[in-house]
Structures are given as structure tokens and as C-alpha cells.
């Protein structure tokens, strides 16, 4: 009498037990890796927020010295002063410091047009420098926050990566207009493989918009004392800044969601195209030892009779 499948002995019990242990260890290791990545994301986010908050505090504490330096730069010849201001703004931006105070001061010192030009040049230069710094640190940061197989990653990080590769121009522009720190606007595209040319074009366009807003505010200021107090007062230009930022942030999340859904649909269509079609014999196959639920008929070729039930 043949042994039933339940009664058949295991060929190698030690190997089977070992495979179970290995699978358990792999599951524990993957769970631990996910926890470490989650913890690394929170630590990285807290570090960025802390650095931006520290930069804002330093800018507020030393705003008088910064404004005095900008005023001395404005007394230089136009081109030399503008280039020096752009270099200062680029260094300021690379150090994760808020640029709004310098851009307002540029409007007061250079006037609306030239302040917009020099502020845009400085912000683009600082953003490009930050982008390349982010590219150099890309591998280390990705190991901290993303798994080796990024297809296992879900949520907005995966959606942001898809958006940066599928629609880099729109995503970078929406991120540039969003009300988020400029460190995020510069380092996120670098970490998530956004091409350089779309990043550069989006940075130039977004920087010019806000440079014009802050330059217009600075050009309307009468003296240095009013300039020092402007940073803490709500103005129509600041209201427009907040509206543009909220709209840009909404566009970022909308693009991420749209690109994620579109990519998932495309992957599903590709999987359906690559899957082999079901053979006709597979649909009529009968499991051994079990009777068929479909009656089979036999008919004689050329006969019009329906045949007999088998």
C-alpha cells in the first residue's frame, strides 16, 4: 500500500529545519532593516529641520551685520558689487541659511531689476553647488533611507523617485515653487536622480519668481531701519509668497500621486503582456483521482447526432 502524501517521510529533516530557520532569519533581518531605514529617515528629517532652524535663528540674530555688509557691497561698482553679492548669496544658500533677508536687502541696495538679476544668479549658483554636493552623497543617503530593491519601497518616497525620473522638469519646478526649505529643493532632486538640465531650468525659473517678489519688497523700503523690521512683518509680497508656496506644494504632491498611479498602471499592463496565454488544454485538465464536473460527449465525425454521454 502506497503511503499517502501526509505519511511520506521528509528526505532530510535537518535540511528542512535549517531552511525554516534561514527563512525566519531573513524575515527578521528584513524587518530590522525596515526599522533602521525608518529610524534613519526620521533622524535625517530632524537634522535638516534643525539645521534650517539654526540658520534662520542665526540670520535673525546677525541681521544687522548682514544688512550692513550688503549696504557696503552696494557701494561698489555695479558689476563688481553684483557679482560679490551673488557669490555671498550662493555661499549663504549652500550653508542652509534662509535667503529672503539677503534678497530683500538686494532690492533696497540695487533696485528692483538688478536685484532680481543678481539674486537669481546667486541662487542658481548656490543651488547647483548644493545639487552636486547631494550627488556626491547620494549613495550614502539612499542606503540609509531606501532598500536595495527600490521596487519594494512604497509611499511618497517611491512616488517621488518615480516623479523625479518620469517628469523631472515639472516635479523640480513644482518643488522649487513649494513652500519648503531650499535645502529640500536642492538636495532631494540630487538624491532621487533628477537629470541636471531639467533641474537647472526649473531652478532658474523658480528662483527668478521669488527673487522678483523679494526685490520688489526691498525696492519699496525707505531706509535701513525699515529694512531691518521688514523681515518680521506680513506684507502683500509675503502673502503672494505664501500663496505661491502653497500652490507649488500642492503641485508636488499631485505630480507624485499622478506619476505613481500612471507608472503602476504601466507596470500592470506590461506584466499582462509578458505573461504567457493560458493553453486550452490547461482549462480542461482534470485533477487525477477526481471526477470531472463537465460531461464529455463523443460524436461520430460527419454525424449530426449529439453523441452519447461517456
Protein backbone atom coordinates (compact mmCIF):
# COMPACT_ATOMS: atom_id res chain seq x y z
CA UNK A 1 0.00 0.00 0.00
CA UNK A 2 1.48 3.32 -1.08
CA UNK A 3 2.00 5.92 1.59
CA UNK A 4 -0.22 8.97 1.37
CA UNK A 5 1.40 12.41 0.85
CA UNK A 6 0.82 13.21 4.53
CA UNK A 7 2.59 10.00 5.64
CA UNK A 8 5.64 10.37 3.41
CA UNK A 9 8.79 11.00 5.48
CA UNK A 10 10.86 14.12 4.93
CA UNK A 11 14.00 13.34 2.91
CA UNK A 12 16.28 15.35 5.20
CA UNK A 13 14.69 16.68 8.39
CA UNK A 14 17.79 18.69 9.32
CA UNK A 15 17.83 20.45 5.95
CA UNK A 16 14.12 21.24 6.23
CA UNK A 17 14.55 22.63 9.72
CA UNK A 18 17.56 24.62 8.59
CA UNK A 19 15.64 26.14 5.68
CA UNK A 20 12.87 27.17 8.06
CA UNK A 21 15.44 28.79 10.34
CA UNK A 22 17.05 30.60 7.41
CA UNK A 23 13.70 31.93 6.21
CA UNK A 24 12.90 33.11 9.73
CA UNK A 25 16.27 34.85 9.94
CA UNK A 26 15.74 36.50 6.57
CA UNK A 27 12.33 37.78 7.64
CA UNK A 28 13.76 39.11 10.90
CA UNK A 29 16.62 40.75 9.02
CA UNK A 30 14.29 42.44 6.53
CA UNK A 31 12.07 43.67 9.37
CA UNK A 32 15.12 45.03 11.19
CA UNK A 33 16.35 46.74 8.02
CA UNK A 34 12.97 48.39 7.52
CA UNK A 35 13.04 49.68 11.10
CA UNK A 36 16.57 51.02 10.65
CA UNK A 37 15.59 52.79 7.43
CA UNK A 38 12.53 54.29 9.10
CA UNK A 39 14.66 55.49 12.00
CA UNK A 40 17.25 56.92 9.59
CA UNK A 41 14.55 58.85 7.72
CA UNK A 42 13.32 60.45 10.91
CA UNK A 43 16.85 61.30 12.03
CA UNK A 44 17.66 62.81 8.64
CA UNK A 45 14.45 64.85 8.64
CA UNK A 46 15.15 66.10 12.17
CA UNK A 47 18.72 67.01 11.18
CA UNK A 48 17.54 69.03 8.17
CA UNK A 49 14.85 70.80 10.22
CA UNK A 50 17.35 71.55 12.99
CA UNK A 51 19.93 72.96 10.57
CA UNK A 52 17.34 75.13 8.82
CA UNK A 53 16.02 76.37 12.18
CA UNK A 54 19.56 77.13 13.34
CA UNK A 55 20.26 79.01 10.11
CA UNK A 56 17.09 81.06 10.48
CA UNK A 57 17.97 81.90 14.08
CA UNK A 58 21.49 82.98 13.09
CA UNK A 59 20.10 85.11 10.26
CA UNK A 60 17.75 86.87 12.69
CA UNK A 61 20.43 87.37 15.36
CA UNK A 62 23.03 88.76 12.95
CA UNK A 63 20.67 90.51 10.56
CA UNK A 64 22.11 93.97 11.27
CA UNK A 65 25.63 92.84 10.38
CA UNK A 66 24.33 91.11 7.25
CA UNK A 67 22.43 94.21 6.14
CA UNK A 68 25.48 96.38 6.79
CA UNK A 69 27.61 94.06 4.64
CA UNK A 70 25.02 94.22 1.84
CA UNK A 71 24.98 98.01 2.06
CA UNK A 72 28.78 98.13 1.72
CA UNK A 73 28.60 95.77 -1.26
CA UNK A 74 26.05 98.08 -2.87
CA UNK A 75 28.55 100.98 -2.77
CA UNK A 76 30.98 99.07 -5.00
CA UNK A 77 30.91 99.41 -8.82
CA UNK A 78 27.70 97.84 -10.20
CA UNK A 79 29.15 94.72 -11.81
CA UNK A 80 31.69 94.02 -9.06
CA UNK A 81 29.11 94.60 -6.35
CA UNK A 82 26.55 92.41 -8.10
CA UNK A 83 28.98 89.53 -8.59
CA UNK A 84 30.17 89.78 -4.99
CA UNK A 85 26.57 89.76 -3.77
CA UNK A 86 25.78 86.73 -5.96
CA UNK A 87 28.77 84.88 -4.51
CA UNK A 88 27.69 85.75 -0.97
CA UNK A 89 24.14 84.57 -1.70
CA UNK A 90 25.42 81.30 -3.22
CA UNK A 91 27.57 80.61 -0.15
CA UNK A 92 24.66 81.61 2.11
CA UNK A 93 22.35 79.17 0.33
CA UNK A 94 24.88 76.33 0.40
CA UNK A 95 25.16 76.72 4.18
CA UNK A 96 21.38 76.11 4.50
CA UNK A 97 20.70 79.71 5.56
CA UNK A 98 17.45 81.46 4.55
CA UNK A 99 17.95 83.79 1.60
CA UNK A 100 14.91 86.06 1.95
CA UNK A 101 16.74 88.66 4.06
CA UNK A 102 19.55 89.00 1.52
CA UNK A 103 17.10 89.21 -1.37
CA UNK A 104 15.14 91.98 0.34
CA UNK A 105 18.40 93.81 1.03
CA UNK A 106 19.37 93.43 -2.63
CA UNK A 107 16.15 95.16 -3.68
CA UNK A 108 16.95 98.03 -1.32
CA UNK A 109 20.58 98.31 -2.50
CA UNK A 110 20.46 97.54 -6.23
CA UNK A 111 16.89 98.37 -7.18
CA UNK A 112 14.24 96.02 -8.50
CA UNK A 113 15.74 94.93 -11.84
CA UNK A 114 19.36 94.35 -10.86
CA UNK A 115 18.37 92.83 -7.54
CA UNK A 116 16.25 90.28 -9.42
CA UNK A 117 19.17 89.52 -11.76
CA UNK A 118 21.89 89.17 -9.10
CA UNK A 119 19.65 87.27 -6.70
CA UNK A 120 18.69 84.81 -9.44
CA UNK A 121 22.35 84.32 -10.39
CA UNK A 122 23.36 83.73 -6.77
CA UNK A 123 20.52 81.34 -6.02
CA UNK A 124 21.14 79.32 -9.18
CA UNK A 125 24.87 79.09 -8.40
CA UNK A 126 24.19 78.01 -4.81
CA UNK A 127 21.56 75.51 -5.91
CA UNK A 128 23.89 73.95 -8.49
CA UNK A 129 26.63 73.67 -5.87
CA UNK A 130 24.18 72.05 -3.44
CA UNK A 131 22.98 69.72 -6.21
CA UNK A 132 26.49 68.42 -6.86
CA UNK A 133 27.14 68.02 -3.14
CA UNK A 134 23.96 65.97 -2.97
CA UNK A 135 25.07 63.87 -5.93
CA UNK A 136 28.34 63.07 -4.16
CA UNK A 137 26.49 61.96 -1.02
CA UNK A 138 23.68 60.26 -2.96
CA UNK A 139 24.73 56.64 -2.42
CA UNK A 140 25.21 57.01 1.32
CA UNK A 141 21.87 58.75 1.84
CA UNK A 142 19.98 56.25 -0.31
CA UNK A 143 21.43 53.35 1.69
CA UNK A 144 20.11 54.98 4.83
CA UNK A 145 16.55 55.70 3.71
CA UNK A 146 15.80 53.27 0.85
CA UNK A 147 16.09 49.47 0.47
CA UNK A 148 18.46 47.94 -2.06
CA UNK A 149 15.49 46.88 -4.18
CA UNK A 150 13.55 50.13 -4.55
CA UNK A 151 10.60 48.28 -6.07
CA UNK A 152 9.80 47.14 -2.51
CA UNK A 153 9.51 50.74 -1.36
CA UNK A 154 6.04 52.24 -1.29
CA UNK A 155 4.57 55.57 -0.31
CA UNK A 156 5.72 59.05 -1.19
CA UNK A 157 9.44 58.26 -1.29
CA UNK A 158 8.87 55.75 -4.09
CA UNK A 159 6.41 58.11 -5.76
CA UNK A 160 8.89 60.98 -5.51
CA UNK A 161 11.59 58.86 -7.14
CA UNK A 162 9.23 57.94 -9.98
CA UNK A 163 8.19 61.57 -10.43
CA UNK A 164 11.82 62.75 -10.50
CA UNK A 165 12.73 60.26 -13.23
CA UNK A 166 9.50 60.35 -15.27
CA UNK A 167 8.67 64.09 -15.08
CA UNK A 168 11.85 65.78 -13.79
CA UNK A 169 11.12 69.24 -15.17
CA UNK A 170 7.61 69.57 -13.78
CA UNK A 171 8.48 67.96 -10.46
CA UNK A 172 11.57 70.11 -9.90
CA UNK A 173 9.65 73.26 -10.83
CA UNK A 174 6.77 72.38 -8.51
CA UNK A 175 9.25 71.61 -5.73
CA UNK A 176 11.07 74.88 -6.41
CA UNK A 177 7.83 76.85 -6.07
CA UNK A 178 6.72 74.91 -2.98
CA UNK A 179 6.85 76.43 0.48
CA UNK A 180 9.67 74.19 1.71
CA UNK A 181 13.28 74.98 2.72
CA UNK A 182 15.67 75.45 -0.17
CA UNK A 183 17.81 72.62 1.17
CA UNK A 184 14.97 70.23 0.26
CA UNK A 185 14.56 71.90 -3.13
CA UNK A 186 18.23 71.33 -3.93
CA UNK A 187 19.17 68.03 -2.29
CA UNK A 188 16.03 65.97 -2.95
CA UNK A 189 16.41 66.11 -6.79
CA UNK A 190 20.08 65.16 -6.42
CA UNK A 191 19.34 62.16 -4.21
CA UNK A 192 16.47 60.91 -6.37
CA UNK A 193 18.36 61.06 -9.69
CA UNK A 194 16.74 64.09 -11.31
CA UNK A 195 18.64 64.99 -14.52
CA UNK A 196 20.75 68.13 -14.28
CA UNK A 197 19.31 70.12 -17.21
CA UNK A 198 15.65 69.95 -16.04
CA UNK A 199 16.83 70.77 -12.52
CA UNK A 200 18.78 73.78 -13.79
CA UNK A 201 15.88 75.12 -15.85
CA UNK A 202 13.39 74.64 -13.01
CA UNK A 203 15.78 76.26 -10.54
CA UNK A 204 16.30 79.28 -12.79
CA UNK A 205 12.58 79.80 -13.33
CA UNK A 206 11.55 79.29 -9.70
CA UNK A 207 14.42 81.38 -8.34
CA UNK A 208 13.57 84.26 -10.67
CA UNK A 209 9.95 84.32 -9.47
CA UNK A 210 10.81 84.64 -5.79
CA UNK A 211 13.78 86.90 -6.45
CA UNK A 212 11.40 89.33 -8.17
CA UNK A 213 8.96 89.17 -5.23
CA UNK A 214 11.63 89.89 -2.63
CA UNK A 215 13.36 92.51 -4.80
CA UNK A 216 10.07 94.37 -5.24
CA UNK A 217 9.62 94.36 -1.48
CA UNK A 218 13.16 95.63 -0.89
CA UNK A 219 12.87 98.35 -3.53
CA UNK A 220 9.80 99.78 -1.80
CA UNK A 221 11.63 100.23 1.52
CA UNK A 222 12.70 103.71 2.50
CA UNK A 223 15.59 103.24 4.94
CA UNK A 224 17.76 100.63 6.62
CA UNK A 225 15.76 100.70 9.87
CA UNK A 226 12.59 99.78 7.99
CA UNK A 227 14.56 97.13 6.13
CA UNK A 228 15.60 95.53 9.43
CA UNK A 229 11.99 95.33 10.62
CA UNK A 230 10.51 94.11 7.32
CA UNK A 231 11.51 90.50 7.88
CA UNK A 232 9.04 90.21 10.77
CA UNK A 233 6.08 91.99 9.13
CA UNK A 234 3.43 90.48 6.86
CA UNK A 235 3.21 92.33 3.54
CA UNK A 236 1.34 91.75 0.27
CA UNK A 237 4.55 90.35 -1.21
CA UNK A 238 4.85 87.86 1.64
CA UNK A 239 1.22 86.91 1.16
CA UNK A 240 1.91 86.25 -2.52
CA UNK A 241 4.99 84.26 -1.48
CA UNK A 242 2.91 82.04 0.81
CA UNK A 243 0.22 81.55 -1.86
CA UNK A 244 2.80 80.57 -4.49
CA UNK A 245 4.42 78.22 -1.99
CA UNK A 246 1.17 76.51 -1.02
CA UNK A 247 0.23 76.10 -4.69
CA UNK A 248 3.65 74.67 -5.51
CA UNK A 249 3.49 72.24 -2.61
CA UNK A 250 0.09 71.02 -3.78
CA UNK A 251 1.50 70.57 -7.28
CA UNK A 252 4.37 68.48 -5.88
CA UNK A 253 2.06 66.02 -4.15
CA UNK A 254 -0.29 65.98 -7.14
CA UNK A 255 2.55 65.15 -9.54
CA UNK A 256 3.87 62.46 -7.22
CA UNK A 257 0.44 60.82 -6.97
CA UNK A 258 -0.25 61.10 -10.71
CA UNK A 259 3.13 59.70 -11.77
CA UNK A 260 2.89 56.87 -9.25
CA UNK A 261 -0.55 55.79 -10.46
CA UNK A 262 0.47 56.05 -14.11
CA UNK A 263 3.64 54.02 -13.56
CA UNK A 264 1.78 51.33 -11.62
CA UNK A 265 -0.78 51.03 -14.43
CA UNK A 266 2.01 50.77 -16.99
CA UNK A 267 3.76 48.06 -14.97
CA UNK A 268 0.47 46.14 -14.72
CA UNK A 269 -0.09 46.39 -18.50
CA UNK A 270 3.48 45.25 -19.16
CA UNK A 271 3.06 42.29 -16.82
CA UNK A 272 -0.15 41.25 -18.59
CA UNK A 273 1.60 41.47 -21.96
CA UNK A 274 4.57 39.38 -20.82
CA UNK A 275 2.51 36.67 -19.07
CA UNK A 276 2.05 33.58 -21.34
CA UNK A 277 -1.52 32.95 -22.52
CA UNK A 278 -3.37 30.07 -20.89
CA UNK A 279 -3.31 26.95 -23.07
CA UNK A 280 -6.68 25.37 -23.99
CA UNK A 281 -5.61 22.03 -22.50
CA UNK A 282 -4.93 23.69 -19.14
CA UNK A 283 -8.50 24.86 -18.85
CA UNK A 284 -9.86 21.35 -19.48
CA UNK A 285 -7.28 19.47 -17.42
CA UNK A 286 -8.71 17.19 -14.78
CA UNK A 287 -7.00 16.55 -11.47
CA UNK A 288 -6.01 12.87 -11.14
CA UNK A 289 -8.21 10.92 -8.78
CA UNK A 290 -11.09 13.40 -9.03
CA UNK A 291 -14.06 13.08 -11.39
CA UNK A 292 -14.63 15.73 -13.97
CA UNK A 293 -17.54 18.06 -13.33
CA UNK A 294 -18.01 18.71 -17.06
CA UNK A 295 -19.79 15.93 -19.06
CA UNK A 296 -17.77 14.72 -22.03
CA UNK A 297 -19.52 13.81 -25.26
CA UNK A 298 -18.29 11.55 -28.05
CA UNK A 299 -19.69 12.03 -31.51
CA UNK A 300 -19.06 10.33 -34.77
CA UNK A 301 -17.37 12.51 -37.38
CA UNK A 302 -19.83 13.57 -40.00
CA UNK A 303 -22.84 12.61 -37.89
CA UNK A 304 -25.41 15.18 -36.88
CA UNK A 305 -26.39 13.31 -33.72
CA UNK A 306 -25.20 14.87 -30.46
CA UNK A 307 -23.48 11.64 -29.39
CA UNK A 308 -23.73 9.78 -26.17
CA UNK A 309 -22.74 10.67 -22.65
CA UNK A 310 -19.48 8.94 -21.59
